[in-house]
Amino acid sequence: MASVDECRQALHDLADRMAQDADRVRDRIDLDRTLVCRVTDLDTAFHGRLTGGRLVDLADGDDPKAKIALHISSDDLLALTRGELDVARALAARRISIKANPLDLMKLRKLL
């Protein structure tokens, strides 16, 4: 099991990678939504905002009003952010869960 600090760092690393690709992604995806990542085995959460192809305002804690919610274990979060875990396969195997409205899910597919 990964630690809370490792999960936090993985999300910040993901945000950095997304920032590098933001100009390319922003033209394809018009998405401005709050996001929460709930790490199930650590009973913790992180929240932020997806906007302009970037993941910004990352902070510790839950956001019950977030428009997009990701439920994932700590080890799967690290694997996902490193590119070692395929999102479609993880969803099919129920290793991760993404809750969002259908239109947002379609837009997220383009990001993943």
PDB file of N, CA and C in Angstrom:
ATOM      1  N   MET A   1       0.843  -1.166   0.000  1.00  0.00           N
ATOM      2  CA  MET A   1       0.000   0.000   0.000  1.00  0.00           C
ATOM      3  C   MET A   1       0.894   1.238   0.000  1.00  0.00           C
ATOM      4  N   ALA A   2       0.562   2.167  -0.888  1.00  0.00           N
ATOM      5  CA  ALA A   2       1.305   3.422  -0.971  1.00  0.00           C
ATOM      6  C   ALA A   2       0.875   4.348   0.167  1.00  0.00           C
ATOM      7  N   SER A   3       1.702   5.320   0.448  1.00  0.00           N
ATOM      8  CA  SER A   3       1.393   6.265   1.523  1.00  0.00           C
ATOM      9  C   SER A   3       0.608   7.464   0.980  1.00  0.00           C
ATOM     10  N   VAL A   4       0.057   8.244   1.881  1.00  0.00           N
ATOM     11  CA  VAL A   4      -0.655   9.465   1.498  1.00  0.00           C
ATOM     12  C   VAL A   4       0.299  10.415   0.779  1.00  0.00           C
ATOM     13  N   ASP A   5       1.520  10.531   1.275  1.00  0.00           N
ATOM     14  CA  ASP A   5       2.508  11.416   0.635  1.00  0.00           C
ATOM     15  C   ASP A   5       2.832  10.963  -0.784  1.00  0.00           C
ATOM     16  N   GLU A   6       2.959   9.646  -0.993  1.00  0.00           N
ATOM     17  CA  GLU A   6       3.226   9.131  -2.336  1.00  0.00           C
ATOM     18  C   GLU A   6       2.058   9.428  -3.282  1.00  0.00           C
ATOM     19  N   CYS A   7       0.845   9.294  -2.788  1.00  0.00           N
ATOM     20  CA  CYS A   7      -0.336   9.592  -3.609  1.00  0.00           C
ATOM     21  C   CYS A   7      -0.394  11.077  -3.952  1.00  0.00           C
ATOM     22  N   ARG A   8      -0.132  11.921  -2.973  1.00  0.00           N
ATOM     23  CA  ARG A   8      -0.116  13.372  -3.196  1.00  0.00           C
ATOM     24  C   ARG A   8       0.919  13.723  -4.259  1.00  0.00           C
ATOM     25  N   GLN A   9       2.117  13.158  -4.130  1.00  0.00           N
ATOM     26  CA  GLN A   9       3.184  13.435  -5.084  1.00  0.00           C
ATOM     27  C   GLN A   9       2.816  12.931  -6.475  1.00  0.00           C
ATOM     28  N   ALA A  10       2.196  11.762  -6.555  1.00  0.00           N
ATOM     29  CA  ALA A  10       1.781  11.216  -7.855  1.00  0.00           C
ATOM     30  C   ALA A  10       0.795  12.147  -8.551  1.00  0.00           C
ATOM     31  N   LEU A  11      -0.135  12.706  -7.797  1.00  0.00           N
ATOM     32  CA  LEU A  11      -1.103  13.639  -8.390  1.00  0.00           C
ATOM     33  C   LEU A  11      -0.427  14.935  -8.827  1.00  0.00           C
ATOM     34  N   HIS A  12       0.538  15.417  -8.051  1.00  0.00           N
ATOM     35  CA  HIS A  12       1.265  16.620  -8.460  1.00  0.00           C
ATOM     36  C   HIS A  12       2.117  16.345  -9.705  1.00  0.00           C
ATOM     37  N   ASP A  13       2.707  15.157  -9.792  1.00  0.00           N
ATOM     38  CA  ASP A  13       3.462  14.788 -10.987  1.00  0.00           C
ATOM     39  C   ASP A  13       2.544  14.727 -12.207  1.00  0.00           C
ATOM     40  N   LEU A  14       1.348  14.168 -12.026  1.00  0.00           N
ATOM     41  CA  LEU A  14       0.361  14.120 -13.113  1.00  0.00           C
ATOM     42  C   LEU A  14      -0.020  15.540 -13.541  1.00  0.00           C
ATOM     43  N   ALA A  15      -0.239  16.416 -12.577  1.00  0.00           N
ATOM     44  CA  ALA A  15      -0.587  17.803 -12.890  1.00  0.00           C
ATOM     45  C   ALA A  15       0.529  18.469 -13.694  1.00  0.00           C
ATOM     46  N   ASP A  16       1.781  18.197 -13.351  1.00  0.00           N
ATOM     47  CA  ASP A  16       2.914  18.759 -14.086  1.00  0.00           C
ATOM     48  C   ASP A  16       2.933  18.254 -15.528  1.00  0.00           C
ATOM     49  N   ARG A  17       2.705  16.953 -15.718  1.00  0.00           N
ATOM     50  CA  ARG A  17       2.672  16.393 -17.077  1.00  0.00           C
ATOM     51  C   ARG A  17       1.513  16.969 -17.881  1.00  0.00           C
ATOM     52  N   MET A  18       0.365  17.124 -17.247  1.00  0.00           N
ATOM     53  CA  MET A  18      -0.796  17.692 -17.940  1.00  0.00           C
ATOM     54  C   MET A  18      -0.513  19.141 -18.338  1.00  0.00           C
ATOM     55  N   ALA A  19       0.183  19.887 -17.511  1.00  0.00           N
ATOM     56  CA  ALA A  19       0.510  21.280 -17.821  1.00  0.00           C
ATOM     57  C   ALA A  19       1.396  21.369 -19.062  1.00  0.00           C
ATOM     58  N   GLN A  20       2.289  20.405 -19.224  1.00  0.00           N
ATOM     59  CA  GLN A  20       3.164  20.393 -20.400  1.00  0.00           C
ATOM     60  C   GLN A  20       2.382  20.157 -21.686  1.00  0.00           C
ATOM     61  N   ASP A  21       1.274  19.399 -21.600  1.00  0.00           N
ATOM     62  CA  ASP A  21       0.466  19.078 -22.774  1.00  0.00           C
ATOM     63  C   ASP A  21      -0.786  19.945 -22.890  1.00  0.00           C
ATOM     64  N   ALA A  22      -0.944  20.927 -22.028  1.00  0.00           N
ATOM     65  CA  ALA A  22      -2.191  21.686 -21.943  1.00  0.00           C
ATOM     66  C   ALA A  22      -2.557  22.384 -23.248  1.00  0.00           C
ATOM     67  N   ASP A  23      -1.595  22.977 -23.932  1.00  0.00           N
ATOM     68  CA  ASP A  23      -1.915  23.697 -25.164  1.00  0.00           C
ATOM     69  C   ASP A  23      -2.489  22.766 -26.222  1.00  0.00           C
ATOM     70  N   ARG A  24      -1.947  21.576 -26.330  1.00  0.00           N
ATOM     71  CA  ARG A  24      -2.433  20.597 -27.315  1.00  0.00           C
ATOM     72  C   ARG A  24      -3.803  20.065 -26.918  1.00  0.00           C
ATOM     73  N   VAL A  25      -3.987  19.789 -25.656  1.00  0.00           N
ATOM     74  CA  VAL A  25      -5.228  19.176 -25.165  1.00  0.00           C
ATOM     75  C   VAL A  25      -6.370  20.183 -25.102  1.00  0.00           C
ATOM     76  N   ARG A  26      -6.061  21.406 -24.739  1.00  0.00           N
ATOM     77  CA  ARG A  26      -7.093  22.435 -24.543  1.00  0.00           C
ATOM     78  C   ARG A  26      -7.948  22.619 -25.792  1.00  0.00           C
ATOM     79  N   ASP A  27      -7.352  22.516 -26.969  1.00  0.00           N
ATOM     80  CA  ASP A  27      -8.101  22.691 -28.210  1.00  0.00           C
ATOM     81  C   ASP A  27      -9.082  21.554 -28.462  1.00  0.00           C
ATOM     82  N   ARG A  28      -8.793  20.371 -27.946  1.00  0.00           N
ATOM     83  CA  ARG A  28      -9.663  19.213 -28.176  1.00  0.00           C
ATOM     84  C   ARG A  28     -10.696  19.021 -27.090  1.00  0.00           C
ATOM     85  N   ILE A  29     -10.434  19.507 -25.903  1.00  0.00           N
ATOM     86  CA  ILE A  29     -11.307  19.212 -24.772  1.00  0.00           C
ATOM     87  C   ILE A  29     -11.679  20.503 -24.050  1.00  0.00           C
ATOM     88  N   ASP A  30     -12.954  20.813 -24.089  1.00  0.00           N
ATOM     89  CA  ASP A  30     -13.470  21.973 -23.367  1.00  0.00           C
ATOM     90  C   ASP A  30     -14.062  21.457 -22.061  1.00  0.00           C
ATOM     91  N   LEU A  31     -13.245  21.409 -21.029  1.00  0.00           N
ATOM     92  CA  LEU A  31     -13.673  20.832 -19.759  1.00  0.00           C
ATOM     93  C   LEU A  31     -13.198  21.717 -18.612  1.00  0.00           C
ATOM     94  N   ASP A  32     -14.129  22.137 -17.804  1.00  0.00           N
ATOM     95  CA  ASP A  32     -13.814  22.932 -16.619  1.00  0.00           C
ATOM     96  C   ASP A  32     -14.680  22.385 -15.491  1.00  0.00           C
ATOM     97  N   ARG A  33     -14.111  21.455 -14.710  1.00  0.00           N
ATOM     98  CA  ARG A  33     -14.882  20.769 -13.682  1.00  0.00           C
ATOM     99  C   ARG A  33     -14.045  20.557 -12.425  1.00  0.00           C
ATOM    100  N   THR A  34     -14.736  20.553 -11.298  1.00  0.00           N
ATOM    101  CA  THR A  34     -14.091  20.176 -10.044  1.00  0.00           C
ATOM    102  C   THR A  34     -13.920  18.670 -10.029  1.00  0.00           C
ATOM    103  N   LEU A  35     -12.880  18.222  -9.354  1.00  0.00           N
ATOM    104  CA  LEU A  35     -12.517  16.807  -9.341  1.00  0.00           C
ATOM    105  C   LEU A  35     -12.113  16.413  -7.934  1.00  0.00           C
ATOM    106  N   VAL A  36     -12.510  15.214  -7.541  1.00  0.00           N
ATOM    107  CA  VAL A  36     -12.039  14.651  -6.281  1.00  0.00           C
ATOM    108  C   VAL A  36     -11.491  13.256  -6.570  1.00  0.00           C
ATOM    109  N   CYS A  37     -10.375  12.950  -5.947  1.00  0.00           N
ATOM    110  CA  CYS A  37      -9.772  11.622  -6.039  1.00  0.00           C
ATOM    111  C   CYS A  37      -9.819  11.025  -4.640  1.00  0.00           C
ATOM    112  N   ARG A  38     -10.667  10.020  -4.472  1.00  0.00           N
ATOM    113  CA  ARG A  38     -10.813   9.370  -3.164  1.00  0.00           C
ATOM    114  C   ARG A  38      -9.985   8.089  -3.169  1.00  0.00           C
ATOM    115  N   VAL A  39      -9.008   8.040  -2.289  1.00  0.00           N
ATOM    116  CA  VAL A  39      -8.106   6.897  -2.193  1.00  0.00           C
ATOM    117  C   VAL A  39      -8.707   5.954  -1.155  1.00  0.00           C
ATOM    118  N   THR A  40      -9.275   4.867  -1.651  1.00  0.00           N
ATOM    119  CA  THR A  40     -10.129   4.005  -0.830  1.00  0.00           C
ATOM    120  C   THR A  40      -9.397   3.302   0.310  1.00  0.00           C
ATOM    121  N   ASP A  41      -8.204   2.802   0.067  1.00  0.00           N
ATOM    122  CA  ASP A  41      -7.525   2.036   1.114  1.00  0.00           C
ATOM    123  C   ASP A  41      -6.836   2.917   2.153  1.00  0.00           C
ATOM    124  N   LEU A  42      -6.704   4.199   1.876  1.00  0.00           N
ATOM    125  CA  LEU A  42      -6.096   5.114   2.837  1.00  0.00           C
ATOM    126  C   LEU A  42      -7.134   5.998   3.517  1.00  0.00           C
ATOM    127  N   ASP A  43      -8.364   5.876   3.084  1.00  0.00           N
ATOM    128  CA  ASP A  43      -9.457   6.688   3.636  1.00  0.00           C
ATOM    129  C   ASP A  43      -9.090   8.170   3.608  1.00  0.00           C
ATOM    130  N   THR A  44      -8.599   8.617   2.451  1.00  0.00           N
ATOM    131  CA  THR A  44      -8.218  10.007   2.262  1.00  0.00           C
ATOM    132  C   THR A  44      -8.664  10.461   0.882  1.00  0.00           C
ATOM    133  N   ALA A  45      -8.594  11.742   0.647  1.00  0.00           N
ATOM    134  CA  ALA A  45      -9.001  12.279  -0.645  1.00  0.00           C
ATOM    135  C   ALA A  45      -8.182  13.517  -0.972  1.00  0.00           C
ATOM    136  N   PHE A  46      -8.169  13.830  -2.263  1.00  0.00           N
ATOM    137  CA  PHE A  46      -7.528  15.030  -2.784  1.00  0.00           C
ATOM    138  C   PHE A  46      -8.517  15.652  -3.754  1.00  0.00           C
ATOM    139  N   HIS A  47      -8.509  16.957  -3.837  1.00  0.00           N
ATOM    140  CA  HIS A  47      -9.415  17.600  -4.782  1.00  0.00           C
ATOM    141  C   HIS A  47      -8.679  18.687  -5.551  1.00  0.00           C
ATOM    142  N   GLY A  48      -9.257  19.020  -6.694  1.00  0.00           N
ATOM    143  CA  GLY A  48      -8.691  20.049  -7.553  1.00  0.00           C
ATOM    144  C   GLY A  48      -9.678  20.404  -8.632  1.00  0.00           C
ATOM    145  N   ARG A  49      -9.165  20.934  -9.717  1.00  0.00           N
ATOM    146  CA  ARG A  49     -10.014  21.365 -10.822  1.00  0.00           C
ATOM    147  C   ARG A  49      -9.327  21.017 -12.138  1.00  0.00           C
ATOM    148  N   LEU A  50     -10.101  20.446 -13.063  1.00  0.00           N
ATOM    149  CA  LEU A  50      -9.645  20.224 -14.425  1.00  0.00           C
ATOM    150  C   LEU A  50     -10.112  21.414 -15.244  1.00  0.00           C
ATOM    151  N   THR A  51      -9.185  22.138 -15.816  1.00  0.00           N
ATOM    152  CA  THR A  51      -9.547  23.293 -16.626  1.00  0.00           C
ATOM    153  C   THR A  51      -8.453  23.579 -17.641  1.00  0.00           C
ATOM    154  N   GLY A  52      -8.864  23.871 -18.855  1.00  0.00           N
ATOM    155  CA  GLY A  52      -7.895  24.214 -19.894  1.00  0.00           C
ATOM    156  C   GLY A  52      -6.855  23.151 -20.132  1.00  0.00           C
ATOM    157  N   GLY A  53      -7.221  21.885 -19.963  1.00  0.00           N
ATOM    158  CA  GLY A  53      -6.268  20.795 -20.149  1.00  0.00           C
ATOM    159  C   GLY A  53      -5.285  20.630 -19.006  1.00  0.00           C
ATOM    160  N   ARG A  54      -5.526  21.322 -17.909  1.00  0.00           N
ATOM    161  CA  ARG A  54      -4.637  21.271 -16.750  1.00  0.00           C
ATOM    162  C   ARG A  54      -5.381  20.751 -15.525  1.00  0.00           C
ATOM    163  N   LEU A  55      -4.625  20.228 -14.579  1.00  0.00           N
ATOM    164  CA  LEU A  55      -5.130  19.851 -13.267  1.00  0.00           C
ATOM    165  C   LEU A  55      -4.537  20.867 -12.297  1.00  0.00           C
ATOM    166  N   VAL A  56      -5.400  21.719 -11.734  1.00  0.00           N
ATOM    167  CA  VAL A  56      -4.922  22.838 -10.916  1.00  0.00           C
ATOM    168  C   VAL A  56      -5.567  22.817  -9.534  1.00  0.00           C
ATOM    169  N   ASP A  57      -5.035  23.629  -8.663  1.00  0.00           N
ATOM    170  CA  ASP A  57      -5.571  23.822  -7.312  1.00  0.00           C
ATOM    171  C   ASP A  57      -5.668  22.519  -6.520  1.00  0.00           C
ATOM    172  N   LEU A  58      -4.682  21.640  -6.685  1.00  0.00           N
ATOM    173  CA  LEU A  58      -4.676  20.381  -5.938  1.00  0.00           C
ATOM    174  C   LEU A  58      -4.509  20.644  -4.450  1.00  0.00           C
ATOM    175  N   ALA A  59      -5.337  19.985  -3.668  1.00  0.00           N
ATOM    176  CA  ALA A  59      -5.273  20.147  -2.219  1.00  0.00           C
ATOM    177  C   ALA A  59      -5.740  18.868  -1.546  1.00  0.00           C
ATOM    178  N   ASP A  60      -5.357  18.700  -0.304  1.00  0.00           N
ATOM    179  CA  ASP A  60      -5.823  17.563   0.482  1.00  0.00           C
ATOM    180  C   ASP A  60      -7.280  17.774   0.860  1.00  0.00           C
ATOM    181  N   GLY A  61      -7.989  16.666   1.017  1.00  0.00           N
ATOM    182  CA  GLY A  61      -9.364  16.723   1.493  1.00  0.00           C
ATOM    183  C   GLY A  61     -10.378  16.408   0.414  1.00  0.00           C
ATOM    184  N   ASP A  62     -11.556  16.075   0.870  1.00  0.00           N
ATOM    185  CA  ASP A  62     -12.654  15.704  -0.010  1.00  0.00           C
ATOM    186  C   ASP A  62     -13.390  16.955  -0.489  1.00  0.00           C
ATOM    187  N   ASP A  63     -14.096  16.813  -1.580  1.00  0.00           N
ATOM    188  CA  ASP A  63     -14.996  17.849  -2.075  1.00  0.00           C
ATOM    189  C   ASP A  63     -16.288  17.148  -2.456  1.00  0.00           C
ATOM    190  N   PRO A  64     -17.246  17.078  -1.548  1.00  0.00           N
ATOM    191  CA  PRO A  64     -18.479  16.352  -1.824  1.00  0.00           C
ATOM    192  C   PRO A  64     -19.286  16.927  -2.986  1.00  0.00           C
ATOM    193  N   LYS A  65     -18.993  18.162  -3.384  1.00  0.00           N
ATOM    194  CA  LYS A  65     -19.723  18.785  -4.495  1.00  0.00           C
ATOM    195  C   LYS A  65     -18.985  18.671  -5.826  1.00  0.00           C
ATOM    196  N   ALA A  66     -17.867  17.953  -5.850  1.00  0.00           N
ATOM    197  CA  ALA A  66     -17.082  17.815  -7.072  1.00  0.00           C
ATOM    198  C   ALA A  66     -17.927  17.175  -8.173  1.00  0.00           C
ATOM    199  N   LYS A  67     -17.758  17.680  -9.380  1.00  0.00           N
ATOM    200  CA  LYS A  67     -18.519  17.180 -10.530  1.00  0.00           C
ATOM    201  C   LYS A  67     -17.982  15.842 -11.039  1.00  0.00           C
ATOM    202  N   ILE A  68     -16.699  15.564 -10.770  1.00  0.00           N
ATOM    203  CA  ILE A  68     -16.077  14.311 -11.195  1.00  0.00           C
ATOM    204  C   ILE A  68     -15.441  13.677  -9.961  1.00  0.00           C
ATOM    205  N   ALA A  69     -15.741  12.393  -9.742  1.00  0.00           N
ATOM    206  CA  ALA A  69     -15.185  11.688  -8.584  1.00  0.00           C
ATOM    207  C   ALA A  69     -14.493  10.413  -9.056  1.00  0.00           C
ATOM    208  N   LEU A  70     -13.255  10.260  -8.648  1.00  0.00           N
ATOM    209  CA  LEU A  70     -12.459   9.065  -8.944  1.00  0.00           C
ATOM    210  C   LEU A  70     -12.256   8.321  -7.637  1.00  0.00           C
ATOM    211  N   HIS A  71     -12.618   7.027  -7.625  1.00  0.00           N
ATOM    212  CA  HIS A  71     -12.380   6.158  -6.463  1.00  0.00           C
ATOM    213  C   HIS A  71     -11.326   5.138  -6.889  1.00  0.00           C
ATOM    214  N   ILE A  72     -10.251   5.068  -6.119  1.00  0.00           N
ATOM    215  CA  ILE A  72      -9.118   4.240  -6.524  1.00  0.00           C
ATOM    216  C   ILE A  72      -8.284   3.865  -5.306  1.00  0.00           C
ATOM    217  N   SER A  73      -7.605   2.716  -5.375  1.00  0.00           N
ATOM    218  CA  SER A  73      -6.688   2.345  -4.289  1.00  0.00           C
ATOM    219  C   SER A  73      -5.375   3.099  -4.476  1.00  0.00           C
ATOM    220  N   SER A  74      -4.599   3.172  -3.430  1.00  0.00           N
ATOM    221  CA  SER A  74      -3.340   3.916  -3.480  1.00  0.00           C
ATOM    222  C   SER A  74      -2.366   3.331  -4.505  1.00  0.00           C
ATOM    223  N   ASP A  75      -2.220   2.016  -4.525  1.00  0.00           N
ATOM    224  CA  ASP A  75      -1.300   1.390  -5.478  1.00  0.00           C
ATOM    225  C   ASP A  75      -1.767   1.594  -6.912  1.00  0.00           C
ATOM    226  N   ASP A  76      -3.072   1.511  -7.145  1.00  0.00           N
ATOM    227  CA  ASP A  76      -3.599   1.733  -8.489  1.00  0.00           C
ATOM    228  C   ASP A  76      -3.449   3.191  -8.908  1.00  0.00           C
ATOM    229  N   LEU A  77      -3.566   4.109  -7.960  1.00  0.00           N
ATOM    230  CA  LEU A  77      -3.356   5.519  -8.275  1.00  0.00           C
ATOM    231  C   LEU A  77      -1.922   5.753  -8.758  1.00  0.00           C
ATOM    232  N   LEU A  78      -0.961   5.173  -8.049  1.00  0.00           N
ATOM    233  CA  LEU A  78       0.434   5.332  -8.470  1.00  0.00           C
ATOM    234  C   LEU A  78       0.656   4.717  -9.842  1.00  0.00           C
ATOM    235  N   ALA A  79       0.113   3.530 -10.067  1.00  0.00           N
ATOM    236  CA  ALA A  79       0.274   2.865 -11.365  1.00  0.00           C
ATOM    237  C   ALA A  79      -0.402   3.672 -12.476  1.00  0.00           C
ATOM    238  N   LEU A  80      -1.565   4.220 -12.198  1.00  0.00           N
ATOM    239  CA  LEU A  80      -2.290   5.008 -13.189  1.00  0.00           C
ATOM    240  C   LEU A  80      -1.517   6.267 -13.559  1.00  0.00           C
ATOM    241  N   THR A  81      -1.003   6.979 -12.576  1.00  0.00           N
ATOM    242  CA  THR A  81      -0.289   8.222 -12.853  1.00  0.00           C
ATOM    243  C   THR A  81       1.061   7.980 -13.519  1.00  0.00           C
ATOM    244  N   ARG A  82       1.612   6.798 -13.346  1.00  0.00           N
ATOM    245  CA  ARG A  82       2.882   6.444 -14.012  1.00  0.00           C
ATOM    246  C   ARG A  82       2.660   5.898 -15.418  1.00  0.00           C
ATOM    247  N   GLY A  83       1.408   5.671 -15.792  1.00  0.00           N
ATOM    248  CA  GLY A  83       1.104   5.107 -17.099  1.00  0.00           C
ATOM    249  C   GLY A  83       1.218   3.599 -17.139  1.00  0.00           C
ATOM    250  N   GLU A  84       1.289   2.963 -15.981  1.00  0.00           N
ATOM    251  CA  GLU A  84       1.431   1.507 -15.904  1.00  0.00           C
ATOM    252  C   GLU A  84       0.079   0.794 -15.838  1.00  0.00           C
ATOM    253  N   LEU A  85      -1.002   1.536 -15.628  1.00  0.00           N
ATOM    254  CA  LEU A  85      -2.333   0.958 -15.506  1.00  0.00           C
ATOM    255  C   LEU A  85      -3.216   1.562 -16.582  1.00  0.00           C
ATOM    256  N   ASP A  86      -3.766   0.709 -17.435  1.00  0.00           N
ATOM    257  CA  ASP A  86      -4.663   1.146 -18.498  1.00  0.00           C
ATOM    258  C   ASP A  86      -6.032   1.485 -17.901  1.00  0.00           C
ATOM    259  N   VAL A  87      -6.515   2.685 -18.157  1.00  0.00           N
ATOM    260  CA  VAL A  87      -7.759   3.154 -17.561  1.00  0.00           C
ATOM    261  C   VAL A  87      -8.939   2.277 -17.967  1.00  0.00           C
ATOM    262  N   ALA A  88      -9.046   1.968 -19.243  1.00  0.00           N
ATOM    263  CA  ALA A  88     -10.183   1.169 -19.714  1.00  0.00           C
ATOM    264  C   ALA A  88     -10.204  -0.212 -19.055  1.00  0.00           C
ATOM    265  N   ARG A  89      -9.065  -0.840 -18.970  1.00  0.00           N
ATOM    266  CA  ARG A  89      -8.999  -2.158 -18.326  1.00  0.00           C
ATOM    267  C   ARG A  89      -9.287  -2.065 -16.836  1.00  0.00           C
ATOM    268  N   ALA A  90      -8.772  -1.025 -16.201  1.00  0.00           N
ATOM    269  CA  ALA A  90      -9.016  -0.846 -14.765  1.00  0.00           C
ATOM    270  C   ALA A  90     -10.498  -0.588 -14.490  1.00  0.00           C
ATOM    271  N   LEU A  91     -11.144   0.173 -15.356  1.00  0.00           N
ATOM    272  CA  LEU A  91     -12.587   0.398 -15.210  1.00  0.00           C
ATOM    273  C   LEU A  91     -13.357  -0.908 -15.397  1.00  0.00           C
ATOM    274  N   ALA A  92     -12.993  -1.654 -16.426  1.00  0.00           N
ATOM    275  CA  ALA A  92     -13.674  -2.916 -16.704  1.00  0.00           C
ATOM    276  C   ALA A  92     -13.496  -3.918 -15.567  1.00  0.00           C
ATOM    277  N   ALA A  93     -12.328  -3.905 -14.948  1.00  0.00           N
ATOM    278  CA  ALA A  93     -12.047  -4.819 -13.844  1.00  0.00           C
ATOM    279  C   ALA A  93     -12.531  -4.265 -12.505  1.00  0.00           C
ATOM    280  N   ARG A  94     -13.120  -3.077 -12.531  1.00  0.00           N
ATOM    281  CA  ARG A  94     -13.624  -2.400 -11.332  1.00  0.00           C
ATOM    282  C   ARG A  94     -12.528  -2.101 -10.309  1.00  0.00           C
ATOM    283  N   ARG A  95     -11.345  -1.868 -10.823  1.00  0.00           N
ATOM    284  CA  ARG A  95     -10.244  -1.449  -9.947  1.00  0.00           C
ATOM    285  C   ARG A  95     -10.343   0.042  -9.664  1.00  0.00           C
ATOM    286  N   ILE A  96     -10.962   0.774 -10.595  1.00  0.00           N
ATOM    287  CA  ILE A  96     -11.223   2.191 -10.381  1.00  0.00           C
ATOM    288  C   ILE A  96     -12.677   2.471 -10.736  1.00  0.00           C
ATOM    289  N   SER A  97     -13.176   3.557 -10.192  1.00  0.00           N
ATOM    290  CA  SER A  97     -14.534   3.990 -10.486  1.00  0.00           C
ATOM    291  C   SER A  97     -14.496   5.489 -10.749  1.00  0.00           C
ATOM    292  N   ILE A  98     -15.141   5.912 -11.834  1.00  0.00           N
ATOM    293  CA  ILE A  98     -15.237   7.333 -12.152  1.00  0.00           C
ATOM    294  C   ILE A  98     -16.707   7.689 -12.210  1.00  0.00           C
ATOM    295  N   LYS A  99     -17.093   8.663 -11.405  1.00  0.00           N
ATOM    296  CA  LYS A  99     -18.475   9.125 -11.403  1.00  0.00           C
ATOM    297  C   LYS A  99     -18.506  10.540 -11.953  1.00  0.00           C
ATOM    298  N   ALA A 100     -19.255  10.700 -13.033  1.00  0.00           N
ATOM    299  CA  ALA A 100     -19.405  12.000 -13.684  1.00  0.00           C
ATOM    300  C   ALA A 100     -20.620  11.914 -14.593  1.00  0.00           C
ATOM    301  N   ASN A 101     -21.071  13.054 -15.072  1.00  0.00           N
ATOM    302  CA  ASN A 101     -22.188  12.987 -16.009  1.00  0.00           C
ATOM    303  C   ASN A 101     -21.686  12.416 -17.336  1.00  0.00           C
ATOM    304  N   PRO A 102     -22.566  11.833 -18.135  1.00  0.00           N
ATOM    305  CA  PRO A 102     -22.138  11.148 -19.368  1.00  0.00           C
ATOM    306  C   PRO A 102     -21.331  12.020 -20.323  1.00  0.00           C
ATOM    307  N   LEU A 103     -21.688  13.274 -20.473  1.00  0.00           N
ATOM    308  CA  LEU A 103     -20.944  14.156 -21.371  1.00  0.00           C
ATOM    309  C   LEU A 103     -19.515  14.370 -20.864  1.00  0.00           C
ATOM    310  N   ASP A 104     -19.366  14.554 -19.566  1.00  0.00           N
ATOM    311  CA  ASP A 104     -18.024  14.709 -18.993  1.00  0.00           C
ATOM    312  C   ASP A 104     -17.203  13.440 -19.156  1.00  0.00           C
ATOM    313  N   LEU A 105     -17.847  12.284 -19.010  1.00  0.00           N
ATOM    314  CA  LEU A 105     -17.124  11.016 -19.200  1.00  0.00           C
ATOM    315  C   LEU A 105     -16.587  10.905 -20.624  1.00  0.00           C
ATOM    316  N   MET A 106     -17.373  11.338 -21.591  1.00  0.00           N
ATOM    317  CA  MET A 106     -16.912  11.291 -22.982  1.00  0.00           C
ATOM    318  C   MET A 106     -15.708  12.214 -23.181  1.00  0.00           C
ATOM    319  N   LYS A 107     -15.752  13.385 -22.566  1.00  0.00           N
ATOM    320  CA  LYS A 107     -14.621  14.309 -22.673  1.00  0.00           C
ATOM    321  C   LYS A 107     -13.387  13.761 -21.959  1.00  0.00           C
ATOM    322  N   LEU A 108     -13.608  13.131 -20.807  1.00  0.00           N
ATOM    323  CA  LEU A 108     -12.475  12.556 -20.062  1.00  0.00           C
ATOM    324  C   LEU A 108     -11.778  11.461 -20.857  1.00  0.00           C
ATOM    325  N   ARG A 109     -12.519  10.706 -21.628  1.00  0.00           N
ATOM    326  CA  ARG A 109     -11.920   9.647 -22.443  1.00  0.00           C
ATOM    327  C   ARG A 109     -10.830  10.200 -23.344  1.00  0.00           C
ATOM    328  N   LYS A 110     -11.050  11.415 -23.848  1.00  0.00           N
ATOM    329  CA  LYS A 110     -10.053  12.041 -24.716  1.00  0.00           C
ATOM    330  C   LYS A 110      -8.785  12.409 -23.947  1.00  0.00           C
ATOM    331  N   LEU A 111      -8.943  12.709 -22.663  1.00  0.00           N
ATOM    332  CA  LEU A 111      -7.779  13.024 -21.829  1.00  0.00           C
ATOM    333  C   LEU A 111      -6.974  11.793 -21.507  1.00  0.00           C
ATOM    334  N   LEU A 112      -7.678  10.670 -21.291  1.00  0.00           N
ATOM    335  CA  LEU A 112      -7.027   9.447 -20.863  1.00  0.00           C
ATOM    336  C   LEU A 112      -6.500   8.733 -22.074  1.00  0.00           C
TER     337      LEU A 112
END
